[in-house]
Amino acid sequence: MAKVEFVLPDVGEGLEEGEIVSWLVAPGDTVARDQPLVEVQTDKALVELPSPVAGQIVSVAFAPGDIVKVGQVLVILEDGQGGDSAPPSAPSATAPAAALGTPGPATPAAESDSTPTSTATPPPGTGGGPGRPKAAPAVRKLALERGVDLATIAGSGPGGRILAADVETAAGPATGVPDRGTSAVRNAGSTGQASGRLGWMEPGRHPLRGIRRVTAETMARSWSEIPHLTTLDEIDATGLLAARQRLADAGIDITIGALLVAAVARGLRRYPVFNASLDIPGAGATSPGASPAGGTIVVHPDCNIGLAVATADGLVVPVITHADRRPLADLAAEVRRLTTAARERRVDVAALRGGTFTISNWGAIGGRHATPLIRPPEVGIMGFGAIRPRPFVVDGEVKARPTLPWSLSADHRLIDGDVSTAFAEYVTGLLADPLALLAELLAGGTPGSPGA
């Protein structure tokens, strides 16, 4: 039987490396062609890499937590077809797998003449091959926290995949975990961790890995490169809540989150400078505060809005493409779909690319104002707090009104205060007067120029 070296392919645009999250197979396992072998965290998403051939696992070259370069050998298989099966889906590495080392219990290539049986017990954390329950890492983490055995659950997701909701159902009511769904904007569909002990870590040293590593790198770049201009205020949300209720009474289930996305999308159409990115030579390598030596302003034709979604492992930002062109019901369905997929760590890599502006909603778990950081190379991000009764001036009198706090951060290299204020006033004006927003949506086309 022929040996097959399976290397880390470029699963994204310009991917240079990935992090091994977990092995779904172990040395000695018999695998089918296209069976998932390993979960890899890239700078965009968690992806499962399938086997290029049917055969048997000889050795794995990296352990969970290791950073692997594109082109390095991940796993060596014995081709069960005797070399007649299709070639691997990525080119062979230039260095032999033995030179990469074989961590933990993996069998070195030099010792693979005596093939283990497929019933070998996998080492802890590697998975158990074909019989392993299908679930994303966040769902496995939730099951561990809730004391649920995944092998006892029938998954309700595609292909029998176990979802977070399945684990919660099996676990029953949680105790000692705060209910983060009581906010008036819990249906906004942006941030808000669905489960687990928020902010909990065991005392000790922890490697910076996975989504947290990617987030740390992106935020450090944002803070060092972008001069942030942040404005914040709040609006009377009485009309917004009433509009959502009237739509619900008419059998149209539109979340507050969908209305936020709709309003921001209209703002991006009216003020295209916010729907842009900066292409600066040497960005990411210059020292903080350095002046850019020229560059290009790229104004995007499509309004693709990213939603910052909190998961058990950190923030994931799926993108709603063509957000300005979608009917409201379609927009609401897409917000739900992407938010659920992100929280269950099964969002497609393609759904994490191409964002032109980002929305964050810390109001899903409470909070009023914040100063959100822009995701390079975008030039703006808008965040929303919790809708709660607060003092508000109405017709010259202070009354208790449900108010929606908002914060807008803009890249001051491109956007000045007057433009930032105009954008914010337009977007929040649509939210304060939902009839104007619905009229914009029904009218379609490009909103008129400012002042029209």
Protein backbone atom coordinates (compact mmCIF):
# COMPACT_ATOMS: atom_id res chain seq x y z
CA MET A 1 0.00 0.00 0.00
CA ALA A 2 1.27 3.47 -0.91
CA LYS A 3 2.01 6.13 1.68
CA VAL A 4 0.18 9.45 1.26
CA GLU A 5 1.42 12.66 2.86
CA PHE A 6 -1.44 15.08 3.50
CA VAL A 7 -0.25 18.66 3.93
CA LEU A 8 -1.97 21.79 5.22
CA PRO A 9 -3.63 23.34 2.16
CA ASP A 10 -4.41 27.01 1.66
CA VAL A 11 -8.05 26.89 2.75
CA GLY A 12 -8.39 30.66 2.61
CA GLU A 13 -7.25 33.58 0.54
CA GLY A 14 -3.53 33.96 1.21
CA LEU A 15 -3.49 31.67 4.25
CA GLU A 16 0.01 31.22 5.63
CA GLU A 17 -0.58 29.11 8.71
CA GLY A 18 -3.19 27.44 10.87
CA GLU A 19 -3.52 26.13 14.40
CA ILE A 20 -4.35 22.51 15.18
CA VAL A 21 -7.47 22.57 17.36
CA SER A 22 -8.23 18.86 17.64
CA TRP A 23 -7.63 15.59 15.84
CA LEU A 24 -10.75 13.70 14.81
CA VAL A 25 -8.74 10.52 14.16
CA ALA A 26 -5.82 8.69 15.74
CA PRO A 27 -2.96 6.50 14.42
CA GLY A 28 -4.36 3.11 13.48
CA ASP A 29 -7.83 4.40 12.57
CA THR A 30 -9.32 3.34 9.25
CA VAL A 31 -10.80 6.33 7.44
CA ALA A 32 -12.99 6.85 4.40
CA ARG A 33 -12.24 9.29 1.63
CA ASP A 34 -13.48 12.81 2.58
CA GLN A 35 -13.84 11.84 6.24
CA PRO A 36 -12.83 14.78 8.46
CA LEU A 37 -9.35 14.27 9.92
CA VAL A 38 -8.53 17.41 11.87
CA GLU A 39 -9.98 20.74 12.95
CA VAL A 40 -7.76 23.71 12.09
CA GLN A 41 -8.22 27.30 13.22
CA THR A 42 -7.21 29.82 10.54
CA ASP A 43 -7.27 33.60 10.82
CA LYS A 44 -10.86 33.46 9.55
CA ALA A 45 -12.59 30.33 10.78
CA LEU A 46 -12.48 26.85 12.19
CA VAL A 47 -12.31 24.33 9.33
CA GLU A 48 -12.39 20.55 9.12
CA LEU A 49 -9.92 19.04 6.67
CA PRO A 50 -11.10 15.83 4.97
CA SER A 51 -9.01 12.82 4.08
CA PRO A 52 -7.82 12.78 0.44
CA VAL A 53 -7.96 8.98 0.31
CA ALA A 54 -9.52 5.96 1.97
CA GLY A 55 -7.01 4.10 4.09
CA GLN A 56 -5.37 3.93 7.48
CA ILE A 57 -3.76 6.64 9.63
CA VAL A 58 -0.03 5.97 10.07
CA SER A 59 1.00 9.06 12.04
CA VAL A 60 0.09 12.65 12.82
CA ALA A 61 2.81 15.27 12.81
CA PHE A 62 1.43 17.92 15.16
CA ALA A 63 -0.39 18.18 18.48
CA PRO A 64 -3.41 20.35 19.35
CA GLY A 65 -2.23 23.93 19.84
CA ASP A 66 0.64 23.66 17.35
CA ILE A 67 0.94 26.29 14.60
CA VAL A 68 1.38 24.71 11.16
CA LYS A 69 2.60 26.43 7.99
CA VAL A 70 0.83 25.86 4.68
CA GLY A 71 2.58 22.99 2.89
CA GLN A 72 3.76 21.19 6.02
CA VAL A 73 2.74 17.56 6.43
CA LEU A 74 -0.18 17.09 8.82
CA VAL A 75 -0.74 13.35 8.63
CA ILE A 76 0.57 10.27 6.82
CA LEU A 77 -1.90 7.67 5.59
CA GLU A 78 -1.62 4.27 3.96
CA ASP A 79 -3.72 4.33 0.83
CA GLY A 80 -6.25 1.53 1.10
CA GLN A 81 -6.58 1.50 -2.70
CA GLY A 82 -3.00 0.43 -3.18
CA GLY A 83 -2.11 3.78 -4.69
CA ASP A 84 -4.97 3.79 -7.21
CA SER A 85 -7.10 6.37 -5.44
CA ALA A 86 -7.18 10.05 -6.30
CA PRO A 87 -4.16 12.12 -5.29
CA PRO A 88 -4.21 14.30 -2.18
CA SER A 89 -6.11 17.57 -2.40
CA ALA A 90 -2.94 19.57 -1.68
CA PRO A 91 0.67 19.24 -2.92
CA SER A 92 3.15 17.17 -0.93
CA ALA A 93 5.41 18.97 1.49
CA THR A 94 9.01 19.54 0.51
CA ALA A 95 10.32 18.12 3.79
CA PRO A 96 9.69 14.53 4.94
CA ALA A 97 7.18 14.11 7.75
CA ALA A 98 9.75 12.46 10.02
CA ALA A 99 11.71 15.71 10.09
CA LEU A 100 8.71 17.51 11.57
CA GLY A 101 8.59 15.32 14.64
CA THR A 102 5.64 13.28 15.91
CA PRO A 103 4.15 14.51 19.19
CA GLY A 104 2.67 12.44 21.96
CA PRO A 105 1.25 9.04 21.05
CA ALA A 106 1.59 9.32 17.27
CA THR A 107 3.49 6.54 15.55
CA PRO A 108 6.68 7.75 13.79
CA ALA A 109 6.83 7.07 10.07
CA ALA A 110 10.01 5.08 10.52
CA GLU A 111 8.16 2.60 12.75
CA SER A 112 5.06 2.16 10.58
CA ASP A 113 5.94 -1.26 9.12
CA SER A 114 3.86 -2.89 11.81
CA THR A 115 0.44 -1.38 11.16
CA PRO A 116 -1.78 -0.94 14.24
CA THR A 117 -5.32 -2.24 14.12
CA SER A 118 -8.23 0.09 13.53
CA THR A 119 -9.58 -0.67 16.98
CA ALA A 120 -6.70 1.04 18.75
CA THR A 121 -7.87 3.33 21.55
CA PRO A 122 -7.23 6.94 20.61
CA PRO A 123 -5.27 9.10 23.03
CA PRO A 124 -7.20 11.71 25.01
CA GLY A 125 -8.35 14.67 22.98
CA THR A 126 -7.79 13.11 19.57
CA GLY A 127 -11.26 11.77 18.89
CA GLY A 128 -12.31 8.30 17.95
CA GLY A 129 -12.64 8.18 14.17
CA PRO A 130 -15.90 7.41 12.41
CA GLY A 131 -17.85 6.75 15.63
CA ARG A 132 -17.00 10.10 17.17
CA PRO A 133 -20.07 12.30 17.76
CA LYS A 134 -20.26 15.19 15.30
CA ALA A 135 -20.00 18.47 17.17
CA ALA A 136 -18.06 21.72 16.92
CA PRO A 137 -15.36 22.48 19.55
CA ALA A 138 -17.59 25.08 21.22
CA VAL A 139 -20.35 22.48 21.57
CA ARG A 140 -17.87 19.93 22.99
CA LYS A 141 -16.70 22.55 25.49
CA LEU A 142 -20.29 23.28 26.48
CA ALA A 143 -21.01 19.57 26.92
CA LEU A 144 -17.98 19.25 29.20
CA GLU A 145 -19.11 22.22 31.29
CA ARG A 146 -22.67 20.90 31.56
CA GLY A 147 -21.59 17.30 32.26
CA VAL A 148 -23.26 15.90 29.14
CA ASP A 149 -21.97 12.83 27.29
CA LEU A 150 -22.17 13.63 23.58
CA ALA A 151 -22.42 9.94 22.74
CA THR A 152 -25.87 9.88 24.36
CA ILE A 153 -27.30 12.72 22.24
CA ALA A 154 -29.02 12.51 18.86
CA GLY A 155 -27.90 15.60 16.97
CA SER A 156 -30.56 17.77 15.32
CA GLY A 157 -28.13 19.53 12.98
CA PRO A 158 -27.20 18.66 9.38
CA GLY A 159 -25.89 15.10 9.07
CA GLY A 160 -26.70 14.40 12.71
CA ARG A 161 -24.33 17.09 13.99
CA ILE A 162 -24.92 17.92 17.67
CA LEU A 163 -25.83 21.56 18.26
CA ALA A 164 -25.54 23.69 21.39
CA ALA A 165 -29.32 23.56 21.76
CA ASP A 166 -29.16 19.75 21.86
CA VAL A 167 -26.64 19.90 24.72
CA GLU A 168 -28.74 22.44 26.64
CA THR A 169 -31.83 20.26 26.23
CA ALA A 170 -29.97 17.19 27.47
CA ALA A 171 -28.47 19.08 30.41
CA GLY A 172 -31.72 20.63 31.58
CA PRO A 173 -31.95 24.02 33.34
CA ALA A 174 -28.57 25.49 34.19
CA THR A 175 -27.73 26.50 37.76
CA GLY A 176 -25.36 29.22 38.81
CA VAL A 177 -25.18 30.66 35.30
CA PRO A 178 -26.64 34.14 34.83
CA ASP A 179 -29.47 34.46 32.34
CA ARG A 180 -28.04 36.69 29.65
CA GLY A 181 -31.22 36.58 27.58
CA THR A 182 -33.23 39.09 29.62
CA SER A 183 -32.01 42.17 27.78
CA ALA A 184 -34.61 44.01 25.71
CA VAL A 185 -32.36 43.49 22.71
CA ARG A 186 -31.63 39.82 23.21
CA ASN A 187 -33.02 39.13 19.74
CA ALA A 188 -30.60 41.53 18.09
CA GLY A 189 -28.55 38.64 16.76
CA SER A 190 -25.11 40.16 17.27
CA THR A 191 -22.99 39.60 20.34
CA GLY A 192 -23.89 37.74 23.47
CA GLN A 193 -22.43 34.40 24.50
CA ALA A 194 -25.08 31.74 24.29
CA SER A 195 -23.77 29.45 27.03
CA GLY A 196 -20.93 28.54 29.35
CA ARG A 197 -19.37 30.47 32.22
CA LEU A 198 -18.70 33.88 30.74
CA GLY A 199 -15.18 35.13 31.49
CA TRP A 200 -14.15 32.02 33.43
CA MET A 201 -10.59 30.66 33.28
CA GLU A 202 -8.79 28.33 35.65
CA PRO A 203 -5.88 29.92 37.56
CA GLY A 204 -2.52 29.30 35.89
CA ARG A 205 -0.81 29.83 32.54
CA HIS A 206 -2.76 29.31 29.32
CA PRO A 207 -1.42 29.37 25.76
CA LEU A 208 -2.83 32.13 23.55
CA ARG A 209 -4.48 29.99 20.90
CA GLY A 210 -7.47 29.72 18.59
CA ILE A 211 -9.88 32.59 18.10
CA ARG A 212 -8.34 34.45 21.04
CA ARG A 213 -4.93 34.51 19.32
CA VAL A 214 -6.46 35.78 16.07
CA THR A 215 -8.47 38.41 17.98
CA ALA A 216 -5.39 39.56 19.89
CA GLU A 217 -3.40 40.03 16.69
CA THR A 218 -6.21 41.87 14.91
CA MET A 219 -6.98 44.19 17.83
CA ALA A 220 -3.30 44.99 18.36
CA ARG A 221 -3.06 45.97 14.71
CA SER A 222 -6.24 48.04 14.99
CA TRP A 223 -5.04 49.90 18.07
CA SER A 224 -1.53 50.57 16.73
CA GLU A 225 -2.46 51.54 13.16
CA ILE A 226 -5.85 53.27 13.29
CA PRO A 227 -6.48 56.67 14.92
CA HIS A 228 -9.98 56.04 16.27
CA LEU A 229 -12.63 58.76 16.30
CA THR A 230 -15.50 57.61 18.53
CA THR A 231 -18.85 59.30 19.04
CA LEU A 232 -21.71 58.03 21.19
CA ASP A 233 -25.24 58.92 22.21
CA GLU A 234 -28.63 57.24 22.61
CA ILE A 235 -32.04 57.42 20.99
CA ASP A 236 -35.61 56.98 22.14
CA ALA A 237 -36.42 53.40 21.11
CA THR A 238 -40.18 53.64 21.69
CA GLY A 239 -40.95 53.70 17.98
CA LEU A 240 -38.45 50.95 17.21
CA LEU A 241 -39.98 48.55 19.72
CA ALA A 242 -43.50 49.47 18.61
CA ALA A 243 -42.64 48.82 14.96
CA ARG A 244 -41.19 45.43 15.78
CA GLN A 245 -44.30 44.52 17.78
CA ARG A 246 -46.64 45.61 14.98
CA LEU A 247 -44.69 43.51 12.51
CA ALA A 248 -44.90 40.56 14.91
CA ASP A 249 -48.67 41.07 15.27
CA ALA A 250 -48.89 40.88 11.48
CA GLY A 251 -47.03 37.55 11.52
CA ILE A 252 -43.68 39.03 10.43
CA ASP A 253 -40.95 38.03 12.87
CA ILE A 254 -38.29 40.72 12.48
CA THR A 255 -35.63 41.01 15.17
CA ILE A 256 -34.23 44.29 16.45
CA GLY A 257 -30.89 43.10 15.06
CA ALA A 258 -32.28 42.95 11.53
CA LEU A 259 -33.56 46.53 11.86
CA LEU A 260 -30.11 47.64 13.09
CA VAL A 261 -28.46 46.03 10.07
CA ALA A 262 -31.03 47.53 7.71
CA ALA A 263 -30.48 51.04 9.06
CA VAL A 264 -26.69 50.78 8.95
CA ALA A 265 -26.83 49.41 5.40
CA ARG A 266 -28.86 52.43 4.30
CA GLY A 267 -26.30 54.67 5.99
CA LEU A 268 -23.48 53.01 4.07
CA ARG A 269 -25.30 53.65 0.81
CA ARG A 270 -25.83 57.32 1.69
CA TYR A 271 -22.26 57.85 2.97
CA PRO A 272 -20.06 55.48 0.89
CA VAL A 273 -16.86 56.69 2.56
CA PHE A 274 -17.88 54.48 5.52
CA ASN A 275 -18.16 51.52 3.14
CA ALA A 276 -14.49 51.76 2.26
CA SER A 277 -11.13 50.38 3.26
CA LEU A 278 -7.62 51.79 3.32
CA ASP A 279 -4.85 50.03 1.44
CA ILE A 280 -1.69 51.45 2.99
CA PRO A 281 1.74 50.15 1.85
CA GLY A 282 3.54 48.47 4.72
CA ALA A 283 0.45 48.40 6.96
CA GLY A 284 1.00 46.07 9.88
CA ALA A 285 4.75 46.64 9.89
CA THR A 286 4.95 50.36 10.71
CA SER A 287 5.46 51.65 14.21
CA PRO A 288 2.48 53.12 16.08
CA GLY A 289 1.79 56.68 15.04
CA ALA A 290 3.84 56.49 11.85
CA SER A 291 2.51 58.55 8.96
CA PRO A 292 1.34 56.47 5.98
CA ALA A 293 3.40 57.02 2.84
CA GLY A 294 0.52 57.28 0.39
CA GLY A 295 -1.93 54.50 -0.24
CA THR A 296 -5.31 53.83 -1.79
CA ILE A 297 -8.88 54.42 -0.67
CA VAL A 298 -11.03 51.51 -1.85
CA VAL A 299 -14.76 52.31 -1.91
CA HIS A 300 -16.65 49.03 -2.14
CA PRO A 301 -19.66 48.61 -4.43
CA ASP A 302 -21.39 46.15 -2.09
CA CYS A 303 -22.46 46.74 1.51
CA ASN A 304 -21.29 43.60 3.32
CA ILE A 305 -21.91 43.97 7.03
CA GLY A 306 -20.10 41.83 9.59
CA LEU A 307 -21.85 40.84 12.82
CA ALA A 308 -19.60 40.45 15.85
CA VAL A 309 -20.91 37.27 17.51
CA ALA A 310 -19.62 36.13 20.89
CA THR A 311 -18.97 32.40 21.12
CA ALA A 312 -17.56 30.27 23.93
CA ASP A 313 -14.14 30.60 22.29
CA GLY A 314 -14.20 34.31 21.38
CA LEU A 315 -15.61 36.66 18.77
CA VAL A 316 -16.54 35.42 15.31
CA VAL A 317 -17.65 37.89 12.61
CA PRO A 318 -19.84 36.36 9.87
CA VAL A 319 -20.71 38.68 7.01
CA ILE A 320 -24.15 39.52 5.58
CA THR A 321 -23.48 40.14 1.92
CA HIS A 322 -25.48 42.72 -0.05
CA ALA A 323 -27.13 43.86 3.18
CA ASP A 324 -28.48 46.96 1.45
CA ARG A 325 -30.30 44.97 -1.24
CA ARG A 326 -32.05 42.34 0.85
CA PRO A 327 -35.76 42.50 1.72
CA LEU A 328 -36.30 42.91 5.45
CA ALA A 329 -37.60 39.35 5.98
CA ASP A 330 -34.61 37.91 4.11
CA LEU A 331 -32.26 40.10 6.13
CA ALA A 332 -33.79 38.88 9.40
CA ALA A 333 -33.48 35.23 8.31
CA GLU A 334 -29.83 35.76 7.36
CA VAL A 335 -29.04 37.41 10.70
CA ARG A 336 -30.53 34.42 12.52
CA ARG A 337 -28.79 31.86 10.32
CA LEU A 338 -25.33 33.39 10.55
CA THR A 339 -25.58 34.12 14.27
CA THR A 340 -26.58 30.52 15.05
CA ALA A 341 -23.91 29.10 12.75
CA ALA A 342 -21.24 31.30 14.33
CA ARG A 343 -22.18 30.35 17.88
CA GLU A 344 -22.11 26.66 16.99
CA ARG A 345 -18.81 27.10 15.11
CA ARG A 346 -20.15 25.75 11.83
CA VAL A 347 -20.13 28.95 9.78
CA ASP A 348 -18.55 28.56 6.34
CA VAL A 349 -15.17 30.15 5.72
CA ALA A 350 -16.69 32.03 2.79
CA ALA A 351 -19.19 33.67 5.16
CA LEU A 352 -16.32 35.27 7.11
CA ARG A 353 -14.79 37.10 4.15
CA GLY A 354 -15.48 40.34 2.35
CA GLY A 355 -16.82 42.49 5.18
CA THR A 356 -16.88 46.26 4.54
CA PHE A 357 -18.31 47.45 7.90
CA THR A 358 -18.97 45.81 11.27
CA ILE A 359 -21.82 45.95 13.80
CA SER A 360 -21.35 44.95 17.43
CA ASN A 361 -24.14 44.53 19.97
CA TRP A 362 -22.94 44.21 23.54
CA GLY A 363 -26.52 45.08 24.55
CA ALA A 364 -27.41 41.41 24.18
CA ILE A 365 -25.99 40.89 27.69
CA GLY A 366 -26.42 44.41 29.02
CA GLY A 367 -24.27 47.51 29.00
CA ARG A 368 -24.69 51.03 27.73
CA HIS A 369 -21.73 52.58 25.88
CA ALA A 370 -18.38 51.27 24.67
CA THR A 371 -15.64 52.33 22.25
CA PRO A 372 -15.49 49.49 19.69
CA LEU A 373 -12.26 48.87 17.78
CA ILE A 374 -12.30 48.88 13.98
CA ARG A 375 -11.39 45.69 12.12
CA PRO A 376 -8.61 46.48 9.62
CA PRO A 377 -8.82 47.30 6.75
CA GLU A 378 -12.38 48.55 7.37
CA VAL A 379 -12.82 52.18 8.41
CA GLY A 380 -15.82 51.99 10.72
CA ILE A 381 -17.71 49.97 13.32
CA MET A 382 -21.00 50.75 15.07
CA GLY A 383 -22.08 49.21 18.35
CA PHE A 384 -25.33 49.14 20.30
CA GLY A 385 -26.07 48.78 24.01
CA ALA A 386 -29.07 47.42 25.86
CA ILE A 387 -32.51 48.97 25.42
CA ARG A 388 -33.58 49.94 28.94
CA PRO A 389 -35.81 52.60 30.56
CA ARG A 390 -33.74 55.75 31.12
CA PRO A 391 -34.46 59.47 31.60
CA PHE A 392 -35.14 61.12 28.24
CA VAL A 393 -36.39 64.59 27.31
CA VAL A 394 -39.74 64.45 25.48
CA ASP A 395 -41.51 67.69 24.56
CA GLY A 396 -39.43 69.60 27.07
CA GLU A 397 -40.11 67.17 29.93
CA VAL A 398 -37.94 64.41 31.37
CA LYS A 399 -39.68 61.07 31.07
CA ALA A 400 -38.70 57.41 31.43
CA ARG A 401 -38.26 56.03 27.94
CA PRO A 402 -36.73 52.84 26.51
CA THR A 403 -33.46 54.13 25.07
CA LEU A 404 -30.99 52.50 22.70
CA PRO A 405 -27.35 53.54 23.31
CA TRP A 406 -25.02 53.57 20.31
CA SER A 407 -21.32 54.12 19.65
CA LEU A 408 -19.59 54.75 16.32
CA SER A 409 -15.84 54.43 15.77
CA ALA A 410 -14.35 55.80 12.54
CA ASP A 411 -10.85 55.76 11.06
CA HIS A 412 -9.76 59.39 11.40
CA ARG A 413 -7.22 58.98 8.59
CA LEU A 414 -10.18 58.94 6.20
CA ILE A 415 -13.25 60.14 8.10
CA ASP A 416 -13.59 63.47 9.89
CA GLY A 417 -15.98 64.40 12.66
CA ASP A 418 -18.56 66.08 10.44
CA VAL A 419 -18.96 62.98 8.23
CA SER A 420 -19.00 60.67 11.25
CA THR A 421 -21.71 62.76 12.91
CA ALA A 422 -23.79 62.94 9.73
CA PHE A 423 -23.61 59.16 9.26
CA ALA A 424 -24.59 58.51 12.88
CA GLU A 425 -27.46 61.02 12.78
CA TYR A 426 -28.84 59.45 9.61
CA VAL A 427 -28.66 55.85 10.89
CA THR A 428 -30.05 56.62 14.34
CA GLY A 429 -32.73 58.82 12.78
CA LEU A 430 -33.98 55.82 10.82
CA LEU A 431 -34.00 53.72 14.01
CA ALA A 432 -35.84 56.39 15.99
CA ASP A 433 -38.40 56.71 13.18
CA PRO A 434 -38.88 53.16 11.81
CA LEU A 435 -41.52 54.35 9.34
CA ALA A 436 -38.78 56.28 7.56
CA LEU A 437 -36.63 53.13 7.56
CA LEU A 438 -39.45 50.98 6.17
CA ALA A 439 -40.12 53.62 3.53
CA GLU A 440 -36.46 53.50 2.51
CA LEU A 441 -36.59 49.71 2.31
CA LEU A 442 -39.79 49.72 0.27
CA ALA A 443 -38.49 52.42 -2.08
CA GLY A 444 -35.27 50.51 -2.81
CA GLY A 445 -32.52 52.06 -4.91
CA THR A 446 -29.82 54.36 -3.63
CA PRO A 447 -30.78 56.90 -0.95
CA GLY A 448 -30.53 60.51 -1.97
CA SER A 449 -27.42 62.53 -1.31
CA PRO A 450 -27.03 64.20 2.10
CA GLY A 451 -29.31 67.15 2.42
CA ALA A 452 -31.61 66.00 -0.37
